[in-house]
Amino acid sequence: MFFKKDSHSKAAKFWKWFAANNHSYLFLNEVDEQEKERIIDDLLVHLHHYSEHLFFEIGGLPGDDRMELVITAEGVHEYFPKVEELADAAPELPRWKVVKFKQPNGPGFTLEYHGKKFNPDTILFVPLHSEDNPESIGLRVCYPDYTEEEKNIYLNGTYIIIDSLIGEQSAVLDIDYLEVAALPDDVEEGDYPMLSTLGQLIKERKHFKYPIERFRVIESADSNGYLIFITANFSYLDFSYKKEFPWLLLITLDIEQYNENGHPTGDEAEALNSFENFLESQIRDTCIAHYIGRVTLYKKRELYYHVNTPEALDQRLKQLLLQPDVTRHFEYRIEKDEEWKTALSILREN
């Protein structure tokens, strides 16, 4: 308890000093470099009286007359509580906004670091999968001119741009593993995502709970001997969040042009795929939807999803069925299935 009180006292002492001297930092860009360096060093000294593991950034936003004082632990998780404690103790200060941790800037920037250029829009990464921890996020970030001798340059540069892309907290808490490597020789454009999309991947994996894709195609036959093709994401076999998405959505489409097995021919296959993509965009506009897979049977195709909430989805699908410009009729049902028994029944080998 003594140490807790001592920490609070140090926080109060820092803010008392900053309140008395904050005017010196409102116009940093208007003083000469020597004076600027002196007052920045002075702020760092007082901050380190509170905790030598914390640092700061000062800046402003366009159109906002307030300045931001960002308190950061430079990505060291152990000292995140110190950031929280100090920022929470900040008094109301005119023209100042105190910010916990470095915030995400998003894409649209480049970094020069030790003679190397880092552009998130052109840096490819490979999402990695862990059998032991399937919900984790692992990244292999690839560079065409990577060498083992310069590994630390590429690794540190990667950490810096990720920190700027998604923010200090997310960079530490959401990414479980990171490595850098040479770009594979056989990679083609579109094979893997660019680093600028990392924020979307985190949103999908950590918030929407989408697992990494492990699609497989299984071939079997029905009781009449007609072929059945199942295309499904087998990551859902050990999915940990089934109860958060308890509603089964099963959509059935008729196949209008088909071969001897009742499967779509070339043009029909393209039309079906296009319509399935349209349906998925409508579904994802209304809820968080997990696409388990599809089954192609004799003259029909079934699409399996699990979603978090049914009401808005049901209304959207009913509206689509009434629209004259929707290119294809479909049937659907939504039912509660917390164990995913129906959907997971398609994830079989025979």
Foldseek 3Di string as FASTA:
>chain_A
DVVVVVLLVLLVVLQVVCLVVVVVVLPLVVDDPVVSVVVLVVNLVSVVSNPVQKHWDWADDPPQQAIEIEIASQLDVVCLVSLVSNQVSHDDHPRYDYHYFFAAPAADDWDAFPNDIGHQQPKFKDWDADPVCQLATEIEIEDQPDDPVCQVRVVVRVLVVLCRHGNSVCSNPRHDYYGYDHDDPPDDPPPTDGRSCVVVVSCCRVPLVATDFDWDWAWDADPVGAIKIWTFGVVVVPRDPLQQQFKKKKKKFFQDDADPSQFHDDVSVVVVVVLVVVLVVLQVVFFSKHWGTKMTGRRMIMTIITTRDCDSVVVSVVVLQPDPPNPGDMDMDMDGHSPCVPSCVSVDRD
